[in-house]
């Protein structure tokens, strides 16, 4: 079978950037600057999925630059959007602000000018900690400064045609009766309750009535105000079905990924961009949504979010970047228990990158090294960093609850796992200590154990019931393997998998006595 051609660094990011460039050339558009965009929701707590949209777009930006093109990421915060529901755990007084633009709602935490700016800042803080560079564009400023006024005028002038197309493409008929634009009601300050029904193109004004709307299954009453809004002066925003297209043309966006939950909106926006605004819609890639460990969609309103701020209490920025750059297709369940796997996986990538681990396939080696480079934002270190198996650190941190860093470091040196203390190891111990404190429960992994190994493991549990010195226990494990016809290295690997969920680790005799013979026995017994 013919090997697949390697593009750039061999990842899906390079392939996507290459397809984007090929399309831009076929369209005859200038490639002097290729902008990619990520839309940031500002109505709820930003989670790993929200972060992923921007991180993946940034990966495409990096690939374009690696190909020799100038590129930038526009991080667009939809902070003129109206608040639809109150996120789990937020104060009840927010109910009075439902349907108002989030930029005009007070910050419940009192640290930002508005609710919307607080939520945007959380996501931007996550991007900053990951090293993502971006141009921040607020929705409220975009509309207030009239950056979309030409697009709004063109869309409203063609609203009848657009309404019919929306009904045809996605079966939504309401825009055959109303305009795809929501003014902020001059009387009550709400957005979605103000229904625009007529556009006066010569005056660039719309007529609206604050008659109410339905958000989800909830009916929201309007204040009854009859108003006229000037699209060049008064605040309002385009409906999602057409707003993306307006932004794409105004900011000259060439790439934007999207989640499957907004497929219909993207379909309509592509048509509006191409046929109404005469702007070729951007190259897209559709990604699946992250789910929680119960298989439910991660929802800002349900409160089952995994935020970058919480993740970074236990894992490095590189572990988040690895999660997001490994692949883009397929639905994935994500939770904090993924952190140990990703931490160790990053270290394995690093060992492959620096030639400490050899793969038998050249293309796979190239792709793996490419993934490592993107996780390092195409600025890879010159040397590998000090590292210790994350689960080993968690185990040690459950033993040592005080003065953890020096005590765990001392043990690691005794095991021969490290030679000397270092800031990198200190950081890893601190992260693992946080994990041990918050999630101190054994990690169960599926291991295939044959009958011969089960017999040997049963013998070992008997040995563990008797007091012994570290070197005696180490020798006993070796002898049990030999007497049962098992290669000692294979038996040790099985024990590492059972106790640490890893293929390797420190010297087992001393380590088992450190974590406790009872704990080791329990772990082994669960696999018999």
Protein backbone atom coordinates (compact mmCIF):
# COMPACT_ATOMS: atom_id res chain seq x y z
CA UNK A 1 0.00 0.00 0.00
CA UNK A 2 1.40 3.39 -1.01
CA UNK A 3 2.39 5.69 1.87
CA UNK A 4 0.30 8.84 2.19
CA UNK A 5 2.11 12.00 1.08
CA UNK A 6 3.48 14.07 3.95
CA UNK A 7 2.39 17.72 3.81
CA UNK A 8 4.31 20.19 5.96
CA UNK A 9 4.83 18.57 9.33
CA UNK A 10 2.47 15.72 8.52
CA UNK A 11 -0.48 16.65 10.74
CA UNK A 12 -4.16 17.33 9.99
CA UNK A 13 -3.35 21.00 10.62
CA UNK A 14 -0.88 21.09 7.71
CA UNK A 15 -3.30 19.28 5.43
CA UNK A 16 -6.05 21.75 6.26
CA UNK A 17 -3.79 24.76 5.70
CA UNK A 18 -2.67 23.30 2.37
CA UNK A 19 -6.29 22.82 1.25
CA UNK A 20 -7.05 26.39 2.31
CA UNK A 21 -4.17 27.74 0.21
CA UNK A 22 -5.17 25.65 -2.79
CA UNK A 23 -8.73 27.02 -2.57
CA UNK A 24 -7.54 30.63 -2.21
CA UNK A 25 -5.38 30.26 -5.33
CA UNK A 26 -8.28 28.74 -7.29
CA UNK A 27 -10.46 31.71 -6.27
CA UNK A 28 -7.76 34.13 -7.37
CA UNK A 29 -7.70 35.96 -4.05
CA UNK A 30 -4.70 37.72 -2.58
CA UNK A 31 -2.75 35.69 -0.06
CA UNK A 32 -0.70 38.61 1.28
CA UNK A 33 -2.50 38.25 4.63
CA UNK A 34 -4.63 35.22 5.49
CA UNK A 35 -6.86 35.81 8.49
CA UNK A 36 -8.41 33.00 10.48
CA UNK A 37 -11.21 33.57 12.96
CA UNK A 38 -12.57 32.05 16.13
CA UNK A 39 -15.89 33.11 17.58
CA UNK A 40 -15.90 33.36 21.37
CA UNK A 41 -19.20 33.03 23.21
CA UNK A 42 -19.59 35.54 26.04
CA UNK A 43 -22.86 34.34 27.57
CA UNK A 44 -21.50 31.58 29.83
CA UNK A 45 -18.38 30.11 31.39
CA UNK A 46 -15.86 29.30 28.61
CA UNK A 47 -14.76 25.67 28.67
CA UNK A 48 -12.16 23.50 26.97
CA UNK A 49 -14.37 23.21 23.87
CA UNK A 50 -14.65 27.01 23.59
CA UNK A 51 -10.88 27.24 23.95
CA UNK A 52 -10.43 24.54 21.31
CA UNK A 53 -12.07 26.63 18.61
CA UNK A 54 -9.42 29.36 18.98
CA UNK A 55 -6.50 26.98 19.58
CA UNK A 56 -7.22 24.98 16.42
CA UNK A 57 -7.63 28.13 14.34
CA UNK A 58 -4.27 29.26 15.72
CA UNK A 59 -2.76 25.96 14.60
CA UNK A 60 -3.90 26.70 11.04
CA UNK A 61 -2.34 30.17 11.37
CA UNK A 62 0.97 28.57 12.43
CA UNK A 63 0.86 26.13 9.51
CA UNK A 64 0.24 28.98 7.05
CA UNK A 65 3.20 30.87 8.48
CA UNK A 66 5.32 27.73 8.27
CA UNK A 67 4.39 27.59 4.56
CA UNK A 68 5.69 31.17 4.21
CA UNK A 69 2.46 33.21 4.41
CA UNK A 70 1.48 36.00 6.78
CA UNK A 71 -1.49 35.13 8.96
CA UNK A 72 -3.31 36.31 12.07
CA UNK A 73 -6.01 34.99 14.36
CA UNK A 74 -9.03 37.20 15.01
CA UNK A 75 -10.65 36.23 18.32
CA UNK A 76 -14.17 37.63 18.00
CA UNK A 77 -16.15 37.92 21.21
CA UNK A 78 -19.90 37.85 20.61
CA UNK A 79 -20.46 40.12 23.60
CA UNK A 80 -23.42 41.97 22.15
CA UNK A 81 -25.30 38.67 22.26
CA UNK A 82 -28.27 38.53 24.61
CA UNK A 83 -28.29 36.44 27.77
CA UNK A 84 -30.58 33.45 27.12
CA UNK A 85 -30.32 31.56 30.41
CA UNK A 86 -28.49 31.76 33.72
CA UNK A 87 -25.49 29.42 34.03
CA UNK A 88 -25.55 26.92 36.90
CA UNK A 89 -24.44 28.51 40.16
CA UNK A 90 -24.88 32.13 39.06
CA UNK A 91 -27.02 34.59 41.09
CA UNK A 92 -30.77 34.64 40.56
CA UNK A 93 -30.84 38.42 40.08
CA UNK A 94 -29.54 37.82 36.55
CA UNK A 95 -33.10 36.80 35.61
CA UNK A 96 -34.03 40.46 35.25
CA UNK A 97 -31.34 40.78 32.58
CA UNK A 98 -32.46 37.86 30.38
CA UNK A 99 -32.41 38.94 26.67
CA UNK A 100 -30.25 41.98 27.38
CA UNK A 101 -26.82 42.21 25.67
CA UNK A 102 -24.25 40.62 27.96
CA UNK A 103 -22.03 43.71 27.64
CA UNK A 104 -24.71 45.79 29.39
CA UNK A 105 -25.25 43.37 32.29
CA UNK A 106 -23.27 43.96 35.52
CA UNK A 107 -20.47 41.50 36.27
CA UNK A 108 -21.80 39.11 38.98
CA UNK A 109 -18.24 38.82 40.34
CA UNK A 110 -17.56 42.57 40.37
CA UNK A 111 -14.15 42.43 38.70
CA UNK A 112 -14.99 43.56 35.15
CA UNK A 113 -17.08 46.26 33.53
CA UNK A 114 -19.74 43.78 32.46
CA UNK A 115 -20.88 40.17 32.50
CA UNK A 116 -19.79 39.79 28.87
CA UNK A 117 -16.31 41.17 29.47
CA UNK A 118 -15.86 38.87 32.47
CA UNK A 119 -16.66 35.78 30.37
CA UNK A 120 -14.50 36.93 27.46
CA UNK A 121 -11.62 37.62 29.84
CA UNK A 122 -11.76 34.09 31.22
CA UNK A 123 -11.33 32.65 27.75
CA UNK A 124 -8.62 35.14 26.80
CA UNK A 125 -6.80 34.30 30.04
CA UNK A 126 -6.85 30.65 28.95
CA UNK A 127 -5.45 31.55 25.52
CA UNK A 128 -2.74 33.72 27.09
CA UNK A 129 -1.64 30.90 29.41
CA UNK A 130 -1.37 28.56 26.41
CA UNK A 131 0.75 31.07 24.49
CA UNK A 132 -1.88 31.72 21.78
CA UNK A 133 -1.43 35.09 20.01
CA UNK A 134 -4.56 36.78 18.70
CA UNK A 135 -6.22 40.05 17.74
CA UNK A 136 -9.17 40.57 20.10
CA UNK A 137 -12.32 41.97 18.51
CA UNK A 138 -15.34 42.72 20.70
CA UNK A 139 -18.78 42.45 19.17
CA UNK A 140 -20.06 45.51 21.02
CA UNK A 141 -17.22 47.63 19.57
CA UNK A 142 -17.74 46.14 16.11
CA UNK A 143 -21.35 47.31 16.02
CA UNK A 144 -20.81 50.53 17.96
CA UNK A 145 -18.07 51.63 15.53
CA UNK A 146 -20.15 50.71 12.47
CA UNK A 147 -17.69 48.11 11.15
CA UNK A 148 -20.57 46.01 9.79
CA UNK A 149 -22.90 48.83 8.66
CA UNK A 150 -22.38 48.18 4.94
CA UNK A 151 -23.00 44.46 5.39
CA UNK A 152 -26.09 45.13 7.54
CA UNK A 153 -27.50 47.45 4.86
CA UNK A 154 -26.93 44.90 2.09
CA UNK A 155 -28.42 42.05 4.14
CA UNK A 156 -31.52 44.04 5.15
CA UNK A 157 -32.02 45.23 1.58
CA UNK A 158 -32.08 41.56 0.54
CA UNK A 159 -33.99 40.32 3.59
CA UNK A 160 -36.92 38.85 1.62
CA UNK A 161 -34.58 36.76 -0.55
CA UNK A 162 -32.60 35.70 2.53
CA UNK A 163 -35.73 34.76 4.48
CA UNK A 164 -36.87 32.50 1.66
CA UNK A 165 -33.45 30.87 1.40
CA UNK A 166 -33.28 30.24 5.16
CA UNK A 167 -36.66 28.48 4.95
CA UNK A 168 -35.43 26.44 1.98
CA UNK A 169 -32.06 25.48 3.48
CA UNK A 170 -32.92 24.78 7.11
CA UNK A 171 -36.72 25.00 7.35
CA UNK A 172 -36.78 28.06 9.62
CA UNK A 173 -39.60 30.32 8.44
CA UNK A 174 -39.57 33.24 10.89
CA UNK A 175 -37.24 35.38 8.75
CA UNK A 176 -39.88 35.42 6.02
CA UNK A 177 -41.90 37.59 8.41
CA UNK A 178 -39.19 39.45 10.32
CA UNK A 179 -35.81 40.97 9.51
CA UNK A 180 -32.63 39.06 10.47
CA UNK A 181 -31.60 41.90 12.76
CA UNK A 182 -32.32 42.64 16.43
CA UNK A 183 -32.20 46.24 17.64
CA UNK A 184 -31.64 46.92 21.32
CA UNK A 185 -35.02 48.20 22.49
CA UNK A 186 -34.70 51.90 23.34
CA UNK A 187 -37.20 51.48 26.18
CA UNK A 188 -36.31 48.26 28.04
CA UNK A 189 -32.79 47.55 26.76
CA UNK A 190 -33.59 43.98 25.66
CA UNK A 191 -32.35 42.55 22.39
CA UNK A 192 -34.41 39.56 21.29
CA UNK A 193 -37.80 40.91 22.29
CA UNK A 194 -37.47 43.81 19.80
CA UNK A 195 -38.76 42.38 16.50
CA UNK A 196 -37.69 44.28 13.35
CA UNK A 197 -40.39 44.18 10.66
CA UNK A 198 -39.51 46.88 8.09
CA UNK A 199 -36.31 48.39 6.66
CA UNK A 200 -36.14 51.90 5.25
CA UNK A 201 -33.09 51.62 2.98
CA UNK A 202 -32.83 55.31 2.05
CA UNK A 203 -32.75 56.32 5.72
CA UNK A 204 -30.90 53.17 6.87
CA UNK A 205 -33.45 52.76 9.63
CA UNK A 206 -35.57 49.86 10.80
CA UNK A 207 -38.99 49.81 12.38
CA UNK A 208 -39.46 47.44 15.30
CA UNK A 209 -41.86 46.53 18.06
CA UNK A 210 -40.75 45.11 21.41
CA UNK A 211 -43.41 42.41 21.27
CA UNK A 212 -41.59 39.51 22.95
CA UNK A 213 -39.99 36.25 21.87
CA UNK A 214 -39.50 32.60 22.81
CA UNK A 215 -36.11 31.50 24.11
CA UNK A 216 -35.98 27.72 24.24
CA UNK A 217 -39.36 26.80 25.68
CA UNK A 218 -39.70 30.00 27.68
CA UNK A 219 -41.89 32.87 26.43
CA UNK A 220 -40.32 36.25 27.15
CA UNK A 221 -42.62 39.25 27.04
CA UNK A 222 -41.56 42.53 25.47
CA UNK A 223 -42.32 45.99 26.80
CA UNK A 224 -44.59 46.87 23.84
CA UNK A 225 -42.44 49.79 22.68
CA UNK A 226 -42.76 50.86 19.00
CA UNK A 227 -39.44 52.18 17.81
CA UNK A 228 -37.24 53.20 14.93
CA UNK A 229 -33.52 52.38 15.02
CA UNK A 230 -30.75 53.78 12.85
CA UNK A 231 -28.39 50.94 11.87
CA UNK A 232 -25.48 53.42 11.63
CA UNK A 233 -25.96 54.92 15.11
CA UNK A 234 -28.18 52.75 17.32
CA UNK A 235 -27.03 49.45 18.77
CA UNK A 236 -28.41 46.19 17.47
CA UNK A 237 -27.03 42.99 16.01
CA UNK A 238 -27.55 40.67 13.10
CA UNK A 239 -29.10 37.26 13.68
CA UNK A 240 -26.60 34.37 13.75
CA UNK A 241 -27.99 33.08 10.47
CA UNK A 242 -26.37 36.06 8.70
CA UNK A 243 -23.87 37.61 11.12
CA UNK A 244 -20.97 35.26 10.41
CA UNK A 245 -21.12 36.19 6.72
CA UNK A 246 -21.04 39.90 7.57
CA UNK A 247 -17.97 39.42 9.78
CA UNK A 248 -16.20 37.28 7.21
CA UNK A 249 -16.47 40.00 4.58
CA UNK A 250 -15.75 42.91 6.93
CA UNK A 251 -12.61 41.31 8.40
CA UNK A 252 -11.59 39.34 5.27
CA UNK A 253 -11.70 35.98 7.05
CA UNK A 254 -10.39 32.97 5.08
CA UNK A 255 -10.77 30.18 7.65
CA UNK A 256 -13.16 29.38 10.48
CA UNK A 257 -13.88 26.03 12.10
CA UNK A 258 -17.30 25.27 13.53
CA UNK A 259 -19.01 22.80 15.82
CA UNK A 260 -21.72 20.49 14.56
CA UNK A 261 -24.26 22.31 16.75
CA UNK A 262 -24.22 25.35 14.42
CA UNK A 263 -24.13 23.49 11.09
CA UNK A 264 -27.40 25.10 9.94
CA UNK A 265 -26.17 28.61 10.70
CA UNK A 266 -22.93 27.99 8.79
CA UNK A 267 -24.84 26.61 5.80
CA UNK A 268 -26.96 29.77 5.58
CA UNK A 269 -24.03 32.10 6.25
CA UNK A 270 -22.00 30.48 3.46
CA UNK A 271 -24.84 31.19 1.04
CA UNK A 272 -25.26 34.78 2.29
CA UNK A 273 -21.53 35.43 1.93
CA UNK A 274 -21.37 33.98 -1.59
CA UNK A 275 -24.66 35.21 -3.06
CA UNK A 276 -25.58 38.37 -1.15
CA UNK A 277 -22.27 39.88 -0.08
CA UNK A 278 -20.26 38.60 -3.07
CA UNK A 279 -17.55 37.33 -0.74
CA UNK A 280 -16.35 33.74 -1.02
CA UNK A 281 -17.06 32.10 2.32
CA UNK A 282 -14.04 30.89 4.31
CA UNK A 283 -12.62 27.39 4.26
CA UNK A 284 -14.25 25.42 7.07
CA UNK A 285 -13.64 22.32 9.08
CA UNK A 286 -16.41 20.80 11.19
CA UNK A 287 -15.49 19.37 14.56
CA UNK A 288 -17.44 17.24 17.01
CA UNK A 289 -18.35 18.56 20.42
CA UNK A 290 -16.63 17.61 23.65
CA UNK A 291 -18.82 15.62 26.04
CA UNK A 292 -18.50 15.17 29.77
CA UNK A 293 -17.65 11.76 31.20
CA UNK A 294 -21.34 10.94 31.38
CA UNK A 295 -21.66 11.40 27.62
CA UNK A 296 -23.56 14.70 27.95
CA UNK A 297 -22.71 17.78 25.91
CA UNK A 298 -20.57 20.21 27.88
CA UNK A 299 -22.90 23.13 28.55
CA UNK A 300 -22.20 26.53 30.07
CA UNK A 301 -25.71 26.60 31.48
CA UNK A 302 -25.61 23.06 32.93
CA UNK A 303 -22.44 23.80 34.85
CA UNK A 304 -20.57 20.64 33.72
CA UNK A 305 -17.77 22.65 32.16
CA UNK A 306 -14.07 21.85 32.32
CA UNK A 307 -12.36 25.23 32.29
CA UNK A 308 -8.76 25.88 31.35
CA UNK A 309 -8.23 27.59 34.71
CA UNK A 310 -9.27 24.41 36.57
CA UNK A 311 -7.30 22.15 34.20
CA UNK A 312 -4.09 24.14 34.74
CA UNK A 313 -4.30 23.42 38.46
CA UNK A 314 -3.38 19.82 37.61
CA UNK A 315 -1.80 19.79 34.15
CA UNK A 316 0.55 21.87 32.05
CA UNK A 317 -0.53 24.10 29.14
CA UNK A 318 1.09 21.48 26.87
CA UNK A 319 -1.39 18.85 28.06
CA UNK A 320 -4.31 21.05 26.90
CA UNK A 321 -2.63 21.76 23.57
CA UNK A 322 -2.03 18.02 23.07
CA UNK A 323 -5.71 17.29 23.77
CA UNK A 324 -6.76 19.86 21.16
CA UNK A 325 -4.14 19.15 18.48
CA UNK A 326 -4.18 15.32 18.57
CA UNK A 327 -7.14 15.26 16.20
CA UNK A 328 -10.19 17.29 15.24
CA UNK A 329 -12.67 14.60 14.14
CA UNK A 330 -14.79 12.40 16.38
CA UNK A 331 -16.75 13.06 19.56
CA UNK A 332 -14.67 12.85 22.72
CA UNK A 333 -15.52 12.67 26.39
CA UNK A 334 -13.20 14.89 28.37
CA UNK A 335 -12.58 15.24 32.08
CA UNK A 336 -9.84 15.83 34.62
CA UNK A 337 -9.00 12.11 34.68
CA UNK A 338 -7.57 12.57 31.16
CA UNK A 339 -4.76 14.70 32.58
CA UNK A 340 -2.42 11.88 33.77
CA UNK A 341 -2.65 10.18 30.35
CA UNK A 342 -1.99 13.41 28.44
CA UNK A 343 0.89 14.43 30.70
CA UNK A 344 2.63 11.11 30.13
CA UNK A 345 1.73 11.10 26.43
CA UNK A 346 3.39 14.48 25.95
CA UNK A 347 6.56 13.10 27.51
CA UNK A 348 6.44 10.14 25.12
CA UNK A 349 6.08 12.56 22.18
CA UNK A 350 9.11 14.42 23.46
CA UNK A 351 11.14 11.21 23.66
CA UNK A 352 10.20 10.39 20.05
CA UNK A 353 11.04 13.94 18.93
CA UNK A 354 14.52 13.76 20.49
CA UNK A 355 15.14 10.20 19.26
CA UNK A 356 14.98 8.47 22.64
CA UNK A 357 12.11 6.31 21.37
CA UNK A 358 12.27 4.95 17.83
CA UNK A 359 9.16 4.19 15.75
CA UNK A 360 9.26 1.59 12.99
CA UNK A 361 7.44 3.78 10.46
CA UNK A 362 9.09 6.90 9.00
CA UNK A 363 5.83 8.66 8.16
CA UNK A 364 4.44 7.97 11.62
CA UNK A 365 7.65 9.37 13.11
CA UNK A 366 7.27 12.53 11.00
CA UNK A 367 3.62 12.99 12.00
CA UNK A 368 4.39 12.35 15.67
CA UNK A 369 7.23 14.86 15.64
CA UNK A 370 4.94 17.30 13.83
CA UNK A 371 2.30 16.95 16.54
CA UNK A 372 4.97 17.63 19.17
CA UNK A 373 6.01 20.78 17.30
CA UNK A 374 2.44 22.10 17.12
CA UNK A 375 1.91 21.37 20.81
CA UNK A 376 4.95 23.59 21.29
CA UNK A 377 3.42 26.16 18.89
CA UNK A 378 6.24 25.55 16.37
CA UNK A 379 8.80 26.73 18.93
CA UNK A 380 10.10 23.42 20.26
CA UNK A 381 12.73 23.30 23.01
CA UNK A 382 16.29 22.47 22.02
CA UNK A 383 16.57 19.74 24.67
CA UNK A 384 14.15 17.40 26.38
CA UNK A 385 12.96 18.45 29.83
CA UNK A 386 13.13 16.55 33.10
CA UNK A 387 10.05 14.42 33.63
CA UNK A 388 8.62 11.82 35.98
CA UNK A 389 5.62 9.59 35.36
CA UNK A 390 2.59 11.62 36.49
CA UNK A 391 0.81 8.72 38.24
CA UNK A 392 3.97 7.93 40.18
CA UNK A 393 4.01 11.52 41.41
CA UNK A 394 0.32 11.33 42.36
CA UNK A 395 1.00 8.12 44.32
CA UNK A 396 3.90 9.73 46.17
CA UNK A 397 1.88 12.87 46.86
CA UNK A 398 -0.81 10.75 48.54
CA UNK A 399 1.89 9.43 50.89
CA UNK A 400 3.57 12.73 51.67
CA UNK A 401 1.00 15.35 52.62
CA UNK A 402 3.44 17.91 54.10
CA UNK A 403 6.65 19.37 52.65
CA UNK A 404 5.80 17.44 49.51
CA UNK A 405 8.29 18.90 47.07
CA UNK A 406 11.47 18.09 49.06
CA UNK A 407 10.15 14.75 50.33
CA UNK A 408 8.93 13.51 46.94
CA UNK A 409 12.12 14.78 45.29
CA UNK A 410 14.21 12.86 47.85
CA UNK A 411 12.27 9.66 47.09
CA UNK A 412 12.68 10.13 43.33
CA UNK A 413 16.43 10.43 43.79
CA UNK A 414 16.47 7.31 45.99
CA UNK A 415 14.56 5.40 43.29
CA UNK A 416 17.06 6.56 40.69
CA UNK A 417 14.22 8.19 38.74
CA UNK A 418 15.96 11.59 38.77
CA UNK A 419 19.52 12.60 39.58
CA UNK A 420 18.91 15.97 41.20
CA UNK A 421 16.18 18.50 41.99
CA UNK A 422 15.04 20.91 39.26
CA UNK A 423 12.37 23.60 38.80
CA UNK A 424 10.62 21.39 36.19
CA UNK A 425 10.28 18.52 38.68
CA UNK A 426 9.10 20.94 41.39
CA UNK A 427 6.33 22.14 39.07
CA UNK A 428 5.28 18.57 38.22
CA UNK A 429 5.14 17.62 41.91
CA UNK A 430 2.97 20.67 42.65
CA UNK A 431 0.52 19.78 39.87
CA UNK A 432 0.40 16.12 40.91
CA UNK A 433 -0.10 17.16 44.54
CA UNK A 434 -3.16 19.21 43.56
CA UNK A 435 -4.48 16.20 41.65
CA UNK A 436 -3.84 13.87 44.60
CA UNK A 437 -5.66 16.23 46.95
CA UNK A 438 -8.71 16.66 44.71
CA UNK A 439 -8.94 13.26 42.98
CA UNK A 440 -7.26 10.77 45.30
CA UNK A 441 -8.74 7.62 43.87
CA UNK A 442 -7.07 4.68 42.10
CA UNK A 443 -6.89 4.69 38.34
CA UNK A 444 -8.31 1.48 36.87
CA UNK A 445 -6.97 0.36 33.54
CA UNK A 446 -7.82 -2.65 31.39
CA UNK A 447 -4.89 -5.08 31.38
CA UNK A 448 -4.75 -8.46 29.66
CA UNK A 449 -3.28 -10.93 32.16
CA UNK A 450 -2.78 -14.61 31.28
CA UNK A 451 -3.21 -17.51 33.72
CA UNK A 452 0.54 -17.88 34.26
CA UNK A 453 0.83 -14.22 35.28
CA UNK A 454 -2.24 -14.48 37.53
CA UNK A 455 -0.61 -17.39 39.38
CA UNK A 456 2.56 -15.32 39.81
CA UNK A 457 0.56 -12.31 41.02
CA UNK A 458 -1.27 -14.46 43.57
CA UNK A 459 2.11 -15.67 44.91
CA UNK A 460 3.24 -12.04 45.16
CA UNK A 461 0.22 -11.11 47.28
CA UNK A 462 1.29 -13.80 49.77
CA UNK A 463 4.81 -12.34 49.85
CA UNK A 464 3.37 -8.86 50.43
CA UNK A 465 1.55 -10.09 53.54
CA UNK A 466 4.92 -10.54 55.24
CA UNK A 467 7.28 -7.75 56.37
CA UNK A 468 10.36 -7.48 54.14
CA UNK A 469 13.17 -5.13 53.21
CA UNK A 470 13.07 -3.27 49.86
CA UNK A 471 15.90 -5.31 48.32
CA UNK A 472 14.35 -8.59 49.52
CA UNK A 473 10.99 -7.67 47.99
CA UNK A 474 12.71 -6.68 44.74
CA UNK A 475 14.45 -10.07 44.59
CA UNK A 476 11.21 -11.90 45.49
CA UNK A 477 9.38 -10.30 42.52
CA UNK A 478 12.24 -11.34 40.23
CA UNK A 479 12.27 -14.92 41.54
CA UNK A 480 8.45 -15.30 41.34
CA UNK A 481 8.62 -14.35 37.65
CA UNK A 482 11.43 -16.82 36.94
CA UNK A 483 9.79 -19.70 38.83
CA UNK A 484 6.59 -19.23 36.79
CA UNK A 485 8.38 -19.15 33.44
CA UNK A 486 7.79 -15.41 32.93
CA UNK A 487 10.43 -12.97 31.72
CA UNK A 488 11.13 -10.71 34.73
CA UNK A 489 10.92 -7.56 32.59
CA UNK A 490 7.42 -8.62 31.44
CA UNK A 491 6.31 -9.29 35.01
CA UNK A 492 7.65 -5.94 36.19
CA UNK A 493 5.82 -4.25 33.30
CA UNK A 494 2.56 -5.93 34.37
CA UNK A 495 3.05 -4.67 37.92
CA UNK A 496 3.77 -1.14 36.71
CA UNK A 497 0.57 -1.26 34.67
CA UNK A 498 -1.43 -2.42 37.68
CA UNK A 499 0.03 -0.03 40.24
CA UNK A 500 0.89 3.02 38.12
CA UNK A 501 -1.09 2.51 34.88
CA UNK A 502 2.27 2.84 33.10
CA UNK A 503 4.68 0.49 31.34
CA UNK A 504 7.60 1.54 33.51
CA UNK A 505 8.41 3.23 36.79
CA UNK A 506 10.82 3.30 39.73
CA UNK A 507 12.44 0.33 41.42
CA UNK A 508 9.42 -1.68 42.57
CA UNK A 509 10.61 -3.06 45.91
CA UNK A 510 11.22 0.34 47.56
CA UNK A 511 8.21 1.91 45.83
CA UNK A 512 5.73 -0.76 46.99
CA UNK A 513 6.90 -0.35 50.56
CA UNK A 514 6.55 3.44 50.24
CA UNK A 515 2.96 3.32 49.00
CA UNK A 516 2.14 0.51 51.43
CA UNK A 517 1.98 -3.26 50.98
CA UNK A 518 -1.78 -3.24 51.62
CA UNK A 519 -2.41 -0.72 48.85
CA UNK A 520 -0.29 -2.71 46.38
CA UNK A 521 -2.02 -5.94 47.37
CA UNK A 522 -5.44 -4.39 46.83
CA UNK A 523 -4.45 -3.12 43.36
CA UNK A 524 -3.11 -6.56 42.38
CA UNK A 525 -6.15 -8.40 43.79
CA UNK A 526 -8.51 -6.33 41.63
CA UNK A 527 -6.86 -7.88 38.56
CA UNK A 528 -7.01 -11.48 39.71
